[in-house]
Amino acid sequence: MGMPGGVEWILIALVVLLLFGGKKIPELAKGLGSGIKNFKKAVKDDENEEVASTDKVDELDKKSEAKKEEKKEESKTV
């Protein structure tokens, strides 16, 4: 079973038109479009948040390494 062909798409469009009417279809398309937009925005925000948290972890690792080096230097001088 593959993708619907041209005739099947026309039948699907006619069924949708009969079920929802001509006035309701633009509202449905608008709702679908805004849903997709919100989904893409959420994915992008999640990626940005992940990058920010990774940057914080890297920063903490660098600080930790600097502290270790300071302690090594202190132990050498004592």
PDB file of N, CA and C in Angstrom:
ATOM      1  N   MET A   1       0.856  -1.180   0.000  1.00  0.00           N
ATOM      2  CA  MET A   1       0.000   0.000   0.000  1.00  0.00           C
ATOM      3  C   MET A   1       0.893   1.231   0.000  1.00  0.00           C
ATOM      4  N   GLY A   2       0.779   2.026  -1.048  1.00  0.00           N
ATOM      5  CA  GLY A   2       1.638   3.196  -1.216  1.00  0.00           C
ATOM      6  C   GLY A   2       0.883   4.495  -0.954  1.00  0.00           C
ATOM      7  N   MET A   3       1.483   5.542  -1.401  1.00  0.00           N
ATOM      8  CA  MET A   3       0.884   6.859  -1.263  1.00  0.00           C
ATOM      9  C   MET A   3      -0.321   6.976  -2.199  1.00  0.00           C
ATOM     10  N   PRO A   4      -1.318   7.757  -1.763  1.00  0.00           N
ATOM     11  CA  PRO A   4      -2.490   7.934  -2.635  1.00  0.00           C
ATOM     12  C   PRO A   4      -2.114   8.672  -3.916  1.00  0.00           C
ATOM     13  N   GLY A   5      -2.749   8.285  -5.002  1.00  0.00           N
ATOM     14  CA  GLY A   5      -2.519   8.927  -6.288  1.00  0.00           C
ATOM     15  C   GLY A   5      -3.426  10.138  -6.467  1.00  0.00           C
ATOM     16  N   GLY A   6      -3.478  10.649  -7.672  1.00  0.00           N
ATOM     17  CA  GLY A   6      -4.251  11.853  -7.958  1.00  0.00           C
ATOM     18  C   GLY A   6      -5.737  11.696  -7.698  1.00  0.00           C
ATOM     19  N   VAL A   7      -6.318  10.585  -8.138  1.00  0.00           N
ATOM     20  CA  VAL A   7      -7.754  10.361  -7.967  1.00  0.00           C
ATOM     21  C   VAL A   7      -8.091  10.221  -6.478  1.00  0.00           C
ATOM     22  N   GLU A   8      -7.226   9.526  -5.744  1.00  0.00           N
ATOM     23  CA  GLU A   8      -7.487   9.354  -4.314  1.00  0.00           C
ATOM     24  C   GLU A   8      -7.448  10.691  -3.583  1.00  0.00           C
ATOM     25  N   TRP A   9      -6.489  11.558  -3.956  1.00  0.00           N
ATOM     26  CA  TRP A   9      -6.416  12.880  -3.317  1.00  0.00           C
ATOM     27  C   TRP A   9      -7.667  13.707  -3.606  1.00  0.00           C
ATOM     28  N   ILE A  10      -8.173  13.609  -4.806  1.00  0.00           N
ATOM     29  CA  ILE A  10      -9.399  14.338  -5.156  1.00  0.00           C
ATOM     30  C   ILE A  10     -10.566  13.826  -4.319  1.00  0.00           C
ATOM     31  N   LEU A  11     -10.676  12.506  -4.171  1.00  0.00           N
ATOM     32  CA  LEU A  11     -11.739  11.939  -3.334  1.00  0.00           C
ATOM     33  C   LEU A  11     -11.590  12.378  -1.876  1.00  0.00           C
ATOM     34  N   ILE A  12     -10.383  12.386  -1.370  1.00  0.00           N
ATOM     35  CA  ILE A  12     -10.141  12.825   0.013  1.00  0.00           C
ATOM     36  C   ILE A  12     -10.555  14.286   0.168  1.00  0.00           C
ATOM     37  N   ALA A  13     -10.183  15.127  -0.815  1.00  0.00           N
ATOM     38  CA  ALA A  13     -10.547  16.543  -0.757  1.00  0.00           C
ATOM     39  C   ALA A  13     -12.066  16.721  -0.777  1.00  0.00           C
ATOM     40  N   LEU A  14     -12.766  15.952  -1.592  1.00  0.00           N
ATOM     41  CA  LEU A  14     -14.226  16.046  -1.645  1.00  0.00           C
ATOM     42  C   LEU A  14     -14.864  15.619  -0.320  1.00  0.00           C
ATOM     43  N   VAL A  15     -14.346  14.566   0.289  1.00  0.00           N
ATOM     44  CA  VAL A  15     -14.880  14.113   1.584  1.00  0.00           C
ATOM     45  C   VAL A  15     -14.660  15.175   2.647  1.00  0.00           C
ATOM     46  N   VAL A  16     -13.466  15.763   2.664  1.00  0.00           N
ATOM     47  CA  VAL A  16     -13.171  16.826   3.637  1.00  0.00           C
ATOM     48  C   VAL A  16     -14.100  18.005   3.400  1.00  0.00           C
ATOM     49  N   LEU A  17     -14.306  18.375   2.155  1.00  0.00           N
ATOM     50  CA  LEU A  17     -15.186  19.492   1.822  1.00  0.00           C
ATOM     51  C   LEU A  17     -16.617  19.208   2.267  1.00  0.00           C
ATOM     52  N   LEU A  18     -17.071  17.982   2.079  1.00  0.00           N
ATOM     53  CA  LEU A  18     -18.422  17.615   2.504  1.00  0.00           C
ATOM     54  C   LEU A  18     -18.553  17.610   4.030  1.00  0.00           C
ATOM     55  N   LEU A  19     -17.525  17.126   4.712  1.00  0.00           N
ATOM     56  CA  LEU A  19     -17.596  17.036   6.175  1.00  0.00           C
ATOM     57  C   LEU A  19     -17.511  18.403   6.849  1.00  0.00           C
ATOM     58  N   PHE A  20     -16.609  19.245   6.386  1.00  0.00           N
ATOM     59  CA  PHE A  20     -16.339  20.496   7.090  1.00  0.00           C
ATOM     60  C   PHE A  20     -16.935  21.723   6.417  1.00  0.00           C
ATOM     61  N   GLY A  21     -17.218  21.661   5.156  1.00  0.00           N
ATOM     62  CA  GLY A  21     -17.766  22.822   4.457  1.00  0.00           C
ATOM     63  C   GLY A  21     -16.655  23.772   4.036  1.00  0.00           C
ATOM     64  N   GLY A  22     -16.959  24.628   3.096  1.00  0.00           N
ATOM     65  CA  GLY A  22     -15.969  25.553   2.537  1.00  0.00           C
ATOM     66  C   GLY A  22     -15.493  26.602   3.510  1.00  0.00           C
ATOM     67  N   LYS A  23     -16.340  27.003   4.452  1.00  0.00           N
ATOM     68  CA  LYS A  23     -15.963  28.068   5.383  1.00  0.00           C
ATOM     69  C   LYS A  23     -15.044  27.563   6.500  1.00  0.00           C
ATOM     70  N   LYS A  24     -15.165  26.323   6.858  1.00  0.00           N
ATOM     71  CA  LYS A  24     -14.415  25.779   7.984  1.00  0.00           C
ATOM     72  C   LYS A  24     -12.989  25.375   7.599  1.00  0.00           C
ATOM     73  N   ILE A  25     -12.741  25.065   6.336  1.00  0.00           N
ATOM     74  CA  ILE A  25     -11.429  24.584   5.897  1.00  0.00           C
ATOM     75  C   ILE A  25     -10.320  25.619   6.130  1.00  0.00           C
ATOM     76  N   PRO A  26     -10.495  26.915   5.805  1.00  0.00           N
ATOM     77  CA  PRO A  26      -9.423  27.882   6.088  1.00  0.00           C
ATOM     78  C   PRO A  26      -9.105  27.988   7.583  1.00  0.00           C
ATOM     79  N   GLU A  27     -10.126  27.856   8.423  1.00  0.00           N
ATOM     80  CA  GLU A  27      -9.886  27.896   9.867  1.00  0.00           C
ATOM     81  C   GLU A  27      -9.060  26.688  10.309  1.00  0.00           C
ATOM     82  N   LEU A  28      -9.364  25.525   9.753  1.00  0.00           N
ATOM     83  CA  LEU A  28      -8.603  24.322  10.077  1.00  0.00           C
ATOM     84  C   LEU A  28      -7.161  24.447   9.606  1.00  0.00           C
ATOM     85  N   ALA A  29      -6.959  24.980   8.410  1.00  0.00           N
ATOM     86  CA  ALA A  29      -5.605  25.154   7.877  1.00  0.00           C
ATOM     87  C   ALA A  29      -4.819  26.154   8.731  1.00  0.00           C
ATOM     88  N   LYS A  30      -5.487  27.215   9.162  1.00  0.00           N
ATOM     89  CA  LYS A  30      -4.831  28.211  10.012  1.00  0.00           C
ATOM     90  C   LYS A  30      -4.412  27.586  11.340  1.00  0.00           C
ATOM     91  N   GLY A  31      -5.292  26.807  11.924  1.00  0.00           N
ATOM     92  CA  GLY A  31      -4.971  26.127  13.178  1.00  0.00           C
ATOM     93  C   GLY A  31      -3.820  25.144  13.018  1.00  0.00           C
ATOM     94  N   LEU A  32      -3.820  24.412  11.920  1.00  0.00           N
ATOM     95  CA  LEU A  32      -2.740  23.470  11.644  1.00  0.00           C
ATOM     96  C   LEU A  32      -1.415  24.212  11.458  1.00  0.00           C
ATOM     97  N   GLY A  33      -1.451  25.320  10.746  1.00  0.00           N
ATOM     98  CA  GLY A  33      -0.239  26.118  10.530  1.00  0.00           C
ATOM     99  C   GLY A  33       0.320  26.676  11.815  1.00  0.00           C
ATOM    100  N   SER A  34      -0.547  27.193  12.678  1.00  0.00           N
ATOM    101  CA  SER A  34      -0.054  27.737  13.949  1.00  0.00           C
ATOM    102  C   SER A  34       0.460  26.627  14.858  1.00  0.00           C
ATOM    103  N   GLY A  35      -0.139  25.456  14.779  1.00  0.00           N
ATOM    104  CA  GLY A  35       0.358  24.321  15.559  1.00  0.00           C
ATOM    105  C   GLY A  35       1.749  23.905  15.123  1.00  0.00           C
ATOM    106  N   ILE A  36       1.970  23.861  13.823  1.00  0.00           N
ATOM    107  CA  ILE A  36       3.295  23.517  13.298  1.00  0.00           C
ATOM    108  C   ILE A  36       4.306  24.586  13.697  1.00  0.00           C
ATOM    109  N   LYS A  37       3.913  25.845  13.627  1.00  0.00           N
ATOM    110  CA  LYS A  37       4.803  26.948  14.001  1.00  0.00           C
ATOM    111  C   LYS A  37       5.192  26.845  15.474  1.00  0.00           C
ATOM    112  N   ASN A  38       4.228  26.582  16.340  1.00  0.00           N
ATOM    113  CA  ASN A  38       4.519  26.455  17.762  1.00  0.00           C
ATOM    114  C   ASN A  38       5.417  25.254  18.043  1.00  0.00           C
ATOM    115  N   PHE A  39       5.207  24.162  17.328  1.00  0.00           N
ATOM    116  CA  PHE A  39       6.042  22.976  17.500  1.00  0.00           C
ATOM    117  C   PHE A  39       7.489  23.277  17.112  1.00  0.00           C
ATOM    118  N   LYS A  40       7.682  23.930  15.972  1.00  0.00           N
ATOM    119  CA  LYS A  40       9.037  24.271  15.530  1.00  0.00           C
ATOM    120  C   LYS A  40       9.709  25.216  16.523  1.00  0.00           C
ATOM    121  N   LYS A  41       8.939  26.170  17.057  1.00  0.00           N
ATOM    122  CA  LYS A  41       9.486  27.104  18.040  1.00  0.00           C
ATOM    123  C   LYS A  41       9.913  26.358  19.308  1.00  0.00           C
ATOM    124  N   ALA A  42       9.108  25.422  19.759  1.00  0.00           N
ATOM    125  CA  ALA A  42       9.443  24.651  20.961  1.00  0.00           C
ATOM    126  C   ALA A  42      10.698  23.814  20.738  1.00  0.00           C
ATOM    127  N   VAL A  43      10.837  23.220  19.562  1.00  0.00           N
ATOM    128  CA  VAL A  43      12.029  22.429  19.254  1.00  0.00           C
ATOM    129  C   VAL A  43      13.259  23.329  19.248  1.00  0.00           C
ATOM    130  N   LYS A  44      13.133  24.503  18.646  1.00  0.00           N
ATOM    131  CA  LYS A  44      14.259  25.439  18.583  1.00  0.00           C
ATOM    132  C   LYS A  44      14.633  25.920  19.983  1.00  0.00           C
ATOM    133  N   ASP A  45      13.637  26.242  20.817  1.00  0.00           N
ATOM    134  CA  ASP A  45      13.905  26.669  22.186  1.00  0.00           C
ATOM    135  C   ASP A  45      14.594  25.568  22.973  1.00  0.00           C
ATOM    136  N   ASP A  46      14.174  24.325  22.760  1.00  0.00           N
ATOM    137  CA  ASP A  46      14.784  23.193  23.453  1.00  0.00           C
ATOM    138  C   ASP A  46      16.244  23.038  23.036  1.00  0.00           C
ATOM    139  N   GLU A  47      16.526  23.208  21.767  1.00  0.00           N
ATOM    140  CA  GLU A  47      17.906  23.109  21.289  1.00  0.00           C
ATOM    141  C   GLU A  47      18.759  24.223  21.891  1.00  0.00           C
ATOM    142  N   ASN A  48      18.211  25.445  21.954  1.00  0.00           N
ATOM    143  CA  ASN A  48      18.947  26.567  22.531  1.00  0.00           C
ATOM    144  C   ASN A  48      19.219  26.324  24.016  1.00  0.00           C
ATOM    145  N   GLU A  49      18.232  25.768  24.707  1.00  0.00           N
ATOM    146  CA  GLU A  49      18.388  25.475  26.124  1.00  0.00           C
ATOM    147  C   GLU A  49      19.460  24.410  26.335  1.00  0.00           C
ATOM    148  N   GLU A  50      19.482  23.424  25.467  1.00  0.00           N
ATOM    149  CA  GLU A  50      20.477  22.355  25.559  1.00  0.00           C
ATOM    150  C   GLU A  50      21.881  22.913  25.349  1.00  0.00           C
ATOM    151  N   VAL A  51      22.037  23.799  24.380  1.00  0.00           N
ATOM    152  CA  VAL A  51      23.338  24.401  24.110  1.00  0.00           C
ATOM    153  C   VAL A  51      23.772  25.251  25.299  1.00  0.00           C
ATOM    154  N   ALA A  52      22.833  26.010  25.875  1.00  0.00           N
ATOM    155  CA  ALA A  52      23.162  26.853  27.018  1.00  0.00           C
ATOM    156  C   ALA A  52      23.597  26.007  28.207  1.00  0.00           C
ATOM    157  N   SER A  53      22.908  24.912  28.465  1.00  0.00           N
ATOM    158  CA  SER A  53      23.289  24.064  29.593  1.00  0.00           C
ATOM    159  C   SER A  53      24.629  23.395  29.348  1.00  0.00           C
ATOM    160  N   THR A  54      24.916  23.036  28.109  1.00  0.00           N
ATOM    161  CA  THR A  54      26.210  22.452  27.771  1.00  0.00           C
ATOM    162  C   THR A  54      27.319  23.477  27.989  1.00  0.00           C
ATOM    163  N   ASP A  55      27.057  24.736  27.626  1.00  0.00           N
ATOM    164  CA  ASP A  55      28.042  25.788  27.843  1.00  0.00           C
ATOM    165  C   ASP A  55      28.311  25.980  29.336  1.00  0.00           C
ATOM    166  N   LYS A  56      27.260  25.899  30.152  1.00  0.00           N
ATOM    167  CA  LYS A  56      27.432  26.045  31.596  1.00  0.00           C
ATOM    168  C   LYS A  56      28.272  24.908  32.161  1.00  0.00           C
ATOM    169  N   VAL A  57      28.034  23.698  31.687  1.00  0.00           N
ATOM    170  CA  VAL A  57      28.810  22.547  32.150  1.00  0.00           C
ATOM    171  C   VAL A  57      30.276  22.722  31.763  1.00  0.00           C
ATOM    172  N   ASP A  58      30.530  23.164  30.550  1.00  0.00           N
ATOM    173  CA  ASP A  58      31.909  23.394  30.107  1.00  0.00           C
ATOM    174  C   ASP A  58      32.584  24.457  30.969  1.00  0.00           C
ATOM    175  N   GLU A  59      31.846  25.508  31.289  1.00  0.00           N
ATOM    176  CA  GLU A  59      32.383  26.579  32.122  1.00  0.00           C
ATOM    177  C   GLU A  59      32.723  26.056  33.521  1.00  0.00           C
ATOM    178  N   LEU A  60      31.829  25.237  34.072  1.00  0.00           N
ATOM    179  CA  LEU A  60      32.091  24.666  35.389  1.00  0.00           C
ATOM    180  C   LEU A  60      33.295  23.721  35.359  1.00  0.00           C
ATOM    181  N   ASP A  61      33.442  22.972  34.289  1.00  0.00           N
ATOM    182  CA  ASP A  61      34.606  22.098  34.147  1.00  0.00           C
ATOM    183  C   ASP A  61      35.899  22.910  34.130  1.00  0.00           C
ATOM    184  N   LYS A  62      35.881  24.010  33.419  1.00  0.00           N
ATOM    185  CA  LYS A  62      37.076  24.867  33.358  1.00  0.00           C
ATOM    186  C   LYS A  62      37.400  25.434  34.730  1.00  0.00           C
ATOM    187  N   LYS A  63      36.378  25.877  35.461  1.00  0.00           N
ATOM    188  CA  LYS A  63      36.606  26.406  36.801  1.00  0.00           C
ATOM    189  C   LYS A  63      37.154  25.321  37.718  1.00  0.00           C
ATOM    190  N   SER A  64      36.632  24.125  37.593  1.00  0.00           N
ATOM    191  CA  SER A  64      37.082  23.003  38.401  1.00  0.00           C
ATOM    192  C   SER A  64      38.557  22.695  38.114  1.00  0.00           C
ATOM    193  N   GLU A  65      38.909  22.692  36.852  1.00  0.00           N
ATOM    194  CA  GLU A  65      40.302  22.446  36.477  1.00  0.00           C
ATOM    195  C   GLU A  65      41.209  23.556  37.024  1.00  0.00           C
ATOM    196  N   ALA A  66      40.741  24.788  36.970  1.00  0.00           N
ATOM    197  CA  ALA A  66      41.534  25.906  37.489  1.00  0.00           C
ATOM    198  C   ALA A  66      41.739  25.751  38.994  1.00  0.00           C
ATOM    199  N   LYS A  67      40.711  25.330  39.708  1.00  0.00           N
ATOM    200  CA  LYS A  67      40.821  25.120  41.161  1.00  0.00           C
ATOM    201  C   LYS A  67      41.819  24.012  41.451  1.00  0.00           C
ATOM    202  N   LYS A  68      41.779  22.940  40.676  1.00  0.00           N
ATOM    203  CA  LYS A  68      42.720  21.832  40.873  1.00  0.00           C
ATOM    204  C   LYS A  68      44.155  22.308  40.663  1.00  0.00           C
ATOM    205  N   GLU A  69      44.361  23.117  39.628  1.00  0.00           N
ATOM    206  CA  GLU A  69      45.694  23.649  39.359  1.00  0.00           C
ATOM    207  C   GLU A  69      46.162  24.543  40.506  1.00  0.00           C
ATOM    208  N   GLU A  70      45.244  25.368  41.036  1.00  0.00           N
ATOM    209  CA  GLU A  70      45.598  26.232  42.165  1.00  0.00           C
ATOM    210  C   GLU A  70      46.009  25.401  43.372  1.00  0.00           C
ATOM    211  N   LYS A  71      45.281  24.341  43.642  1.00  0.00           N
ATOM    212  CA  LYS A  71      45.601  23.481  44.783  1.00  0.00           C
ATOM    213  C   LYS A  71      46.941  22.793  44.579  1.00  0.00           C
ATOM    214  N   LYS A  72      47.240  22.380  43.342  1.00  0.00           N
ATOM    215  CA  LYS A  72      48.534  21.775  43.051  1.00  0.00           C
ATOM    216  C   LYS A  72      49.658  22.775  43.307  1.00  0.00           C
ATOM    217  N   GLU A  73      49.439  24.015  42.862  1.00  0.00           N
ATOM    218  CA  GLU A  73      50.444  25.060  43.051  1.00  0.00           C
ATOM    219  C   GLU A  73      50.647  25.337  44.542  1.00  0.00           C
ATOM    220  N   GLU A  74      49.548  25.382  45.297  1.00  0.00           N
ATOM    221  CA  GLU A  74      49.629  25.637  46.733  1.00  0.00           C
ATOM    222  C   GLU A  74      50.362  24.503  47.446  1.00  0.00           C
ATOM    223  N   SER A  75      50.088  23.282  47.052  1.00  0.00           N
ATOM    224  CA  SER A  75      50.737  22.143  47.707  1.00  0.00           C
ATOM    225  C   SER A  75      52.231  22.097  47.373  1.00  0.00           C
ATOM    226  N   LYS A  76      52.624  22.576  46.206  1.00  0.00           N
ATOM    227  CA  LYS A  76      54.028  22.613  45.830  1.00  0.00           C
ATOM    228  C   LYS A  76      54.779  23.665  46.642  1.00  0.00           C
ATOM    229  N   THR A  77      54.127  24.801  46.929  1.00  0.00           N
ATOM    230  CA  THR A  77      54.796  25.886  47.647  1.00  0.00           C
ATOM    231  C   THR A  77      54.836  25.644  49.145  1.00  0.00           C
ATOM    232  N   VAL A  78      53.987  24.781  49.651  1.00  0.00           N
ATOM    233  CA  VAL A  78      53.946  24.521  51.094  1.00  0.00           C
ATOM    234  C   VAL A  78      54.945  23.526  51.519  1.00  0.00           C
TER     235      VAL A  78
END
